[in-house]
């Protein structure tokens, strides 16, 4: 291994925006059970399914209604 590396001619990773970020999230058991069951039917990991669902919400500009937020509590 070199003592020093020259990064002066390096370029930014063009795929950096598509990288995933690992987080910790508290989710109701009912919601996890729903995605686990659906993921089994689709034969994909439930974490991927949740990610796809959230991306779909972002891309379709989906917003929760005030009523659904109150009912969810």
C-alpha atoms as a PDB file:
ATOM      1  CA  UNK A   1       0.000   0.000   0.000  1.00  0.00           C
ATOM      2  CA  UNK A   2       1.302   3.474  -0.844  1.00  0.00           C
ATOM      3  CA  UNK A   3       2.002   6.055   1.821  1.00  0.00           C
ATOM      4  CA  UNK A   4       0.087   8.664  -0.208  1.00  0.00           C
ATOM      5  CA  UNK A   5      -2.390   8.613  -3.079  1.00  0.00           C
ATOM      6  CA  UNK A   6      -3.027  11.372  -5.632  1.00  0.00           C
ATOM      7  CA  UNK A   7      -6.757  12.070  -6.016  1.00  0.00           C
ATOM      8  CA  UNK A   8      -6.320  15.360  -7.901  1.00  0.00           C
ATOM      9  CA  UNK A   9      -7.562  13.818 -11.163  1.00  0.00           C
ATOM     10  CA  UNK A  10     -10.392  11.793  -9.646  1.00  0.00           C
ATOM     11  CA  UNK A  11     -14.020  12.260 -10.597  1.00  0.00           C
ATOM     12  CA  UNK A  12     -17.160  12.035  -8.477  1.00  0.00           C
ATOM     13  CA  UNK A  13     -19.045   8.763  -8.471  1.00  0.00           C
ATOM     14  CA  UNK A  14     -21.807   9.210 -11.111  1.00  0.00           C
ATOM     15  CA  UNK A  15     -23.940   6.656  -9.257  1.00  0.00           C
ATOM     16  CA  UNK A  16     -23.664   8.329  -5.836  1.00  0.00           C
ATOM     17  CA  UNK A  17     -27.273   9.562  -5.978  1.00  0.00           C
ATOM     18  CA  UNK A  18     -28.544   6.016  -6.435  1.00  0.00           C
ATOM     19  CA  UNK A  19     -26.768   4.669  -3.360  1.00  0.00           C
ATOM     20  CA  UNK A  20     -28.825   3.526  -0.422  1.00  0.00           C
ATOM     21  CA  UNK A  21     -28.542   4.795   3.117  1.00  0.00           C
ATOM     22  CA  UNK A  22     -29.052   2.429   6.015  1.00  0.00           C
ATOM     23  CA  UNK A  23     -31.330   3.762   8.761  1.00  0.00           C
ATOM     24  CA  UNK A  24     -33.101   2.497  11.843  1.00  0.00           C
ATOM     25  CA  UNK A  25     -36.854   2.929  11.744  1.00  0.00           C
ATOM     26  CA  UNK A  26     -39.566   1.940  14.193  1.00  0.00           C
ATOM     27  CA  UNK A  27     -42.467   0.402  12.302  1.00  0.00           C
ATOM     28  CA  UNK A  28     -45.715  -1.059  13.608  1.00  0.00           C
ATOM     29  CA  UNK A  29     -45.852  -4.870  13.597  1.00  0.00           C
ATOM     30  CA  UNK A  30     -49.017  -4.760  11.479  1.00  0.00           C
ATOM     31  CA  UNK A  31     -47.199  -2.822   8.739  1.00  0.00           C
ATOM     32  CA  UNK A  32     -44.197  -5.161   8.760  1.00  0.00           C
ATOM     33  CA  UNK A  33     -46.477  -8.213   8.643  1.00  0.00           C
ATOM     34  CA  UNK A  34     -48.273  -6.751   5.621  1.00  0.00           C
ATOM     35  CA  UNK A  35     -45.040  -6.196   3.691  1.00  0.00           C
ATOM     36  CA  UNK A  36     -43.547  -9.562   4.726  1.00  0.00           C
ATOM     37  CA  UNK A  37     -46.652 -11.393   3.467  1.00  0.00           C
ATOM     38  CA  UNK A  38     -46.724  -9.448   0.199  1.00  0.00           C
ATOM     39  CA  UNK A  39     -42.979  -9.899  -0.281  1.00  0.00           C
ATOM     40  CA  UNK A  40     -43.359 -13.677   0.079  1.00  0.00           C
ATOM     41  CA  UNK A  41     -46.048 -13.648  -2.615  1.00  0.00           C
ATOM     42  CA  UNK A  42     -43.786 -11.605  -4.907  1.00  0.00           C
ATOM     43  CA  UNK A  43     -40.666 -13.568  -3.926  1.00  0.00           C
ATOM     44  CA  UNK A  44     -38.596 -10.492  -3.050  1.00  0.00           C
ATOM     45  CA  UNK A  45     -37.117  -9.340   0.276  1.00  0.00           C
ATOM     46  CA  UNK A  46     -39.591  -7.296   2.303  1.00  0.00           C
ATOM     47  CA  UNK A  47     -37.050  -4.510   2.807  1.00  0.00           C
ATOM     48  CA  UNK A  48     -36.808  -4.100  -0.970  1.00  0.00           C
ATOM     49  CA  UNK A  49     -40.596  -4.042  -1.209  1.00  0.00           C
ATOM     50  CA  UNK A  50     -40.855  -1.312   1.432  1.00  0.00           C
ATOM     51  CA  UNK A  51     -38.175   0.681  -0.395  1.00  0.00           C
ATOM     52  CA  UNK A  52     -40.031   0.306  -3.706  1.00  0.00           C
ATOM     53  CA  UNK A  53     -43.262   1.427  -2.075  1.00  0.00           C
ATOM     54  CA  UNK A  54     -41.623   4.501  -0.553  1.00  0.00           C
ATOM     55  CA  UNK A  55     -39.961   5.378  -3.871  1.00  0.00           C
ATOM     56  CA  UNK A  56     -43.337   5.086  -5.594  1.00  0.00           C
ATOM     57  CA  UNK A  57     -44.793   7.522  -3.036  1.00  0.00           C
ATOM     58  CA  UNK A  58     -41.954   9.956  -3.730  1.00  0.00           C
ATOM     59  CA  UNK A  59     -42.207   9.685  -7.512  1.00  0.00           C
ATOM     60  CA  UNK A  60     -45.997  10.053  -7.572  1.00  0.00           C
ATOM     61  CA  UNK A  61     -45.858  12.880  -5.009  1.00  0.00           C
ATOM     62  CA  UNK A  62     -48.195  10.926  -2.726  1.00  0.00           C
ATOM     63  CA  UNK A  63     -49.215  12.748   0.447  1.00  0.00           C
ATOM     64  CA  UNK A  64     -51.104  11.377   3.414  1.00  0.00           C
ATOM     65  CA  UNK A  65     -54.354  13.098   4.227  1.00  0.00           C
ATOM     66  CA  UNK A  66     -54.830  14.670   7.652  1.00  0.00           C
ATOM     67  CA  UNK A  67     -57.644  12.162   8.270  1.00  0.00           C
ATOM     68  CA  UNK A  68     -55.386   9.157   7.694  1.00  0.00           C
ATOM     69  CA  UNK A  69     -52.772  10.554  10.052  1.00  0.00           C
ATOM     70  CA  UNK A  70     -55.337  10.988  12.824  1.00  0.00           C
ATOM     71  CA  UNK A  71     -56.850   7.553  12.221  1.00  0.00           C
ATOM     72  CA  UNK A  72     -53.428   5.889  12.239  1.00  0.00           C
ATOM     73  CA  UNK A  73     -52.707   6.932  15.798  1.00  0.00           C
END
